[in-house]
């Protein structure tokens, strides 16, 4: 049901450890979920790297085991990143809980969008601490908490 589904968009996806470990955790979670059917469904609907975006990521999960190579191949064969299209795609998808996971390596490039995404009702999961260095950006993000 939509109430137990997390609709996820991943930004800053590269073959770094943050991205790789997160996608492996999602895959493990989904495998466990199929066995028990009592966990949240994690529905990754879009991934963007530094220059490309994929709005159809189902081919990432066609393998038995996720690999950084499959992510690299997916992004290499994807259209250029256009943030407005990426966010519009996620906004239009059904799902009660919409989440953006920032896997970038402390890039302020992505952080500057946090206030806008929060205003659209997205939750943000991040290890990116670049926004802490900009007090105005930090304050605009903290308004939502």
Protein backbone atom coordinates (compact mmCIF):
# COMPACT_ATOMS: atom_id res chain seq x y z
CA UNK A 1 0.00 0.00 0.00
CA UNK A 2 1.17 3.60 -0.49
CA UNK A 3 1.26 4.12 3.29
CA UNK A 4 4.07 1.59 3.73
CA UNK A 5 6.08 2.62 0.67
CA UNK A 6 9.01 5.01 0.70
CA UNK A 7 9.35 6.62 -2.73
CA UNK A 8 13.08 7.35 -3.09
CA UNK A 9 15.20 9.51 -5.36
CA UNK A 10 18.97 9.27 -5.02
CA UNK A 11 21.14 12.26 -5.85
CA UNK A 12 24.91 12.47 -6.13
CA UNK A 13 25.07 8.79 -7.00
CA UNK A 14 28.56 7.70 -7.95
CA UNK A 15 30.54 4.57 -7.29
CA UNK A 16 31.55 6.03 -3.91
CA UNK A 17 31.08 4.01 -0.73
CA UNK A 18 28.04 5.98 0.40
CA UNK A 19 26.08 5.17 -2.76
CA UNK A 20 27.29 1.59 -3.04
CA UNK A 21 26.57 0.75 0.60
CA UNK A 22 23.15 2.41 0.51
CA UNK A 23 22.08 0.51 -2.60
CA UNK A 24 23.33 -2.77 -1.13
CA UNK A 25 21.31 -2.10 2.03
CA UNK A 26 18.20 -1.38 -0.03
CA UNK A 27 18.66 -4.59 -1.97
CA UNK A 28 19.13 -6.59 1.25
CA UNK A 29 16.05 -4.94 2.77
CA UNK A 30 13.92 -5.76 -0.25
CA UNK A 31 15.08 -9.40 -0.25
CA UNK A 32 14.16 -9.68 3.45
CA UNK A 33 10.85 -7.96 2.79
CA UNK A 34 9.90 -10.55 0.19
CA UNK A 35 10.38 -13.24 2.86
CA UNK A 36 8.50 -11.55 5.70
CA UNK A 37 6.20 -9.04 3.93
CA UNK A 38 6.14 -6.90 7.09
CA UNK A 39 8.63 -4.18 6.23
CA UNK A 40 8.41 -0.92 4.38
CA UNK A 41 8.75 -1.12 0.64
CA UNK A 42 11.70 0.98 -0.56
CA UNK A 43 10.83 2.08 -4.08
CA UNK A 44 13.79 3.77 -5.79
CA UNK A 45 12.29 5.67 -8.71
CA UNK A 46 15.14 7.88 -9.88
CA UNK A 47 18.90 8.21 -9.56
CA UNK A 48 21.14 11.03 -10.64
CA UNK A 49 24.89 11.17 -10.77
CA UNK A 50 26.90 14.32 -11.23
CA UNK A 51 25.83 14.79 -14.85
CA UNK A 52 23.29 12.09 -15.75
CA UNK A 53 19.91 11.02 -14.42
CA UNK A 54 17.87 7.88 -14.76
CA UNK A 55 14.13 7.96 -14.20
CA UNK A 56 13.90 4.22 -14.76
CA UNK A 57 16.17 2.30 -12.42
CA UNK A 58 14.52 -1.13 -12.56
CA UNK A 59 17.48 -2.56 -14.51
CA UNK A 60 19.71 -2.00 -11.47
CA UNK A 61 17.80 -4.72 -9.63
CA UNK A 62 17.71 -7.26 -12.45
CA UNK A 63 20.93 -8.74 -11.18
CA UNK A 64 21.09 -11.05 -8.21
CA UNK A 65 23.53 -8.73 -6.50
CA UNK A 66 23.79 -4.97 -6.96
CA UNK A 67 27.19 -3.83 -8.22
CA UNK A 68 28.81 -0.41 -8.68
CA UNK A 69 29.38 -1.40 -12.32
CA UNK A 70 25.63 -1.73 -12.89
CA UNK A 71 25.12 1.78 -11.49
CA UNK A 72 27.91 3.15 -13.65
CA UNK A 73 26.46 1.50 -16.75
CA UNK A 74 22.97 2.79 -15.95
CA UNK A 75 24.16 6.38 -15.57
CA UNK A 76 26.42 6.27 -18.64
CA UNK A 77 23.43 5.33 -20.79
CA UNK A 78 21.13 7.96 -19.26
CA UNK A 79 20.17 11.48 -20.34
CA UNK A 80 21.80 14.62 -18.91
CA UNK A 81 20.75 15.67 -15.43
CA UNK A 82 17.98 18.27 -15.30
CA UNK A 83 17.03 18.77 -11.65
CA UNK A 84 13.56 20.14 -12.40
CA UNK A 85 12.68 17.02 -14.41
CA UNK A 86 14.17 14.78 -11.73
CA UNK A 87 12.13 16.38 -8.92
CA UNK A 88 8.97 16.65 -11.04
CA UNK A 89 9.22 12.92 -11.77
CA UNK A 90 9.48 12.11 -8.05
CA UNK A 91 6.71 14.56 -7.14
CA UNK A 92 4.29 13.00 -9.63
CA UNK A 93 4.92 9.43 -8.52
CA UNK A 94 2.46 7.93 -6.12
CA UNK A 95 3.77 7.41 -2.64
CA UNK A 96 2.89 8.72 0.76
CA UNK A 97 6.48 9.11 1.97
CA UNK A 98 8.80 10.80 -0.52
CA UNK A 99 12.50 10.69 0.30
CA UNK A 100 15.61 12.13 -1.31
CA UNK A 101 18.85 10.43 -0.37
CA UNK A 102 21.92 12.59 -0.95
CA UNK A 103 24.92 10.31 -1.51
CA UNK A 104 27.24 13.08 -2.71
CA UNK A 105 30.61 13.80 -1.17
CA UNK A 106 29.85 17.07 0.65
CA UNK A 107 28.74 19.03 -2.37
CA UNK A 108 26.98 22.31 -1.69
CA UNK A 109 25.61 21.95 -5.22
CA UNK A 110 22.88 19.66 -3.86
CA UNK A 111 22.40 21.23 -0.43
CA UNK A 112 21.18 24.49 -1.90
CA UNK A 113 18.06 22.61 -3.10
CA UNK A 114 17.19 21.18 0.34
CA UNK A 115 14.83 24.03 1.39
CA UNK A 116 12.88 23.75 -1.88
CA UNK A 117 12.61 19.96 -1.60
CA UNK A 118 11.53 20.17 2.03
CA UNK A 119 8.84 22.70 1.02
CA UNK A 120 7.55 20.14 -1.51
CA UNK A 121 7.11 17.60 1.28
CA UNK A 122 10.22 15.49 0.72
CA UNK A 123 12.20 13.98 3.56
CA UNK A 124 15.97 14.24 3.09
CA UNK A 125 18.52 11.68 4.18
CA UNK A 126 22.07 12.92 3.87
CA UNK A 127 25.64 12.41 4.96
CA UNK A 128 26.46 15.67 3.15
CA UNK A 129 27.41 18.28 5.72
CA UNK A 130 28.27 21.11 3.31
CA UNK A 131 25.15 23.06 4.34
CA UNK A 132 26.56 23.46 7.86
CA UNK A 133 29.13 25.92 6.52
CA UNK A 134 26.51 28.34 5.19
CA UNK A 135 24.47 29.85 8.03
CA UNK A 136 21.75 31.26 5.74
CA UNK A 137 21.26 27.90 4.05
CA UNK A 138 21.35 26.12 7.40
CA UNK A 139 18.68 28.48 8.79
CA UNK A 140 16.45 28.02 5.74
CA UNK A 141 16.68 24.24 6.16
CA UNK A 142 16.03 24.31 9.92
CA UNK A 143 12.77 26.24 9.39
CA UNK A 144 11.19 22.89 8.53
CA UNK A 145 11.99 21.28 11.89
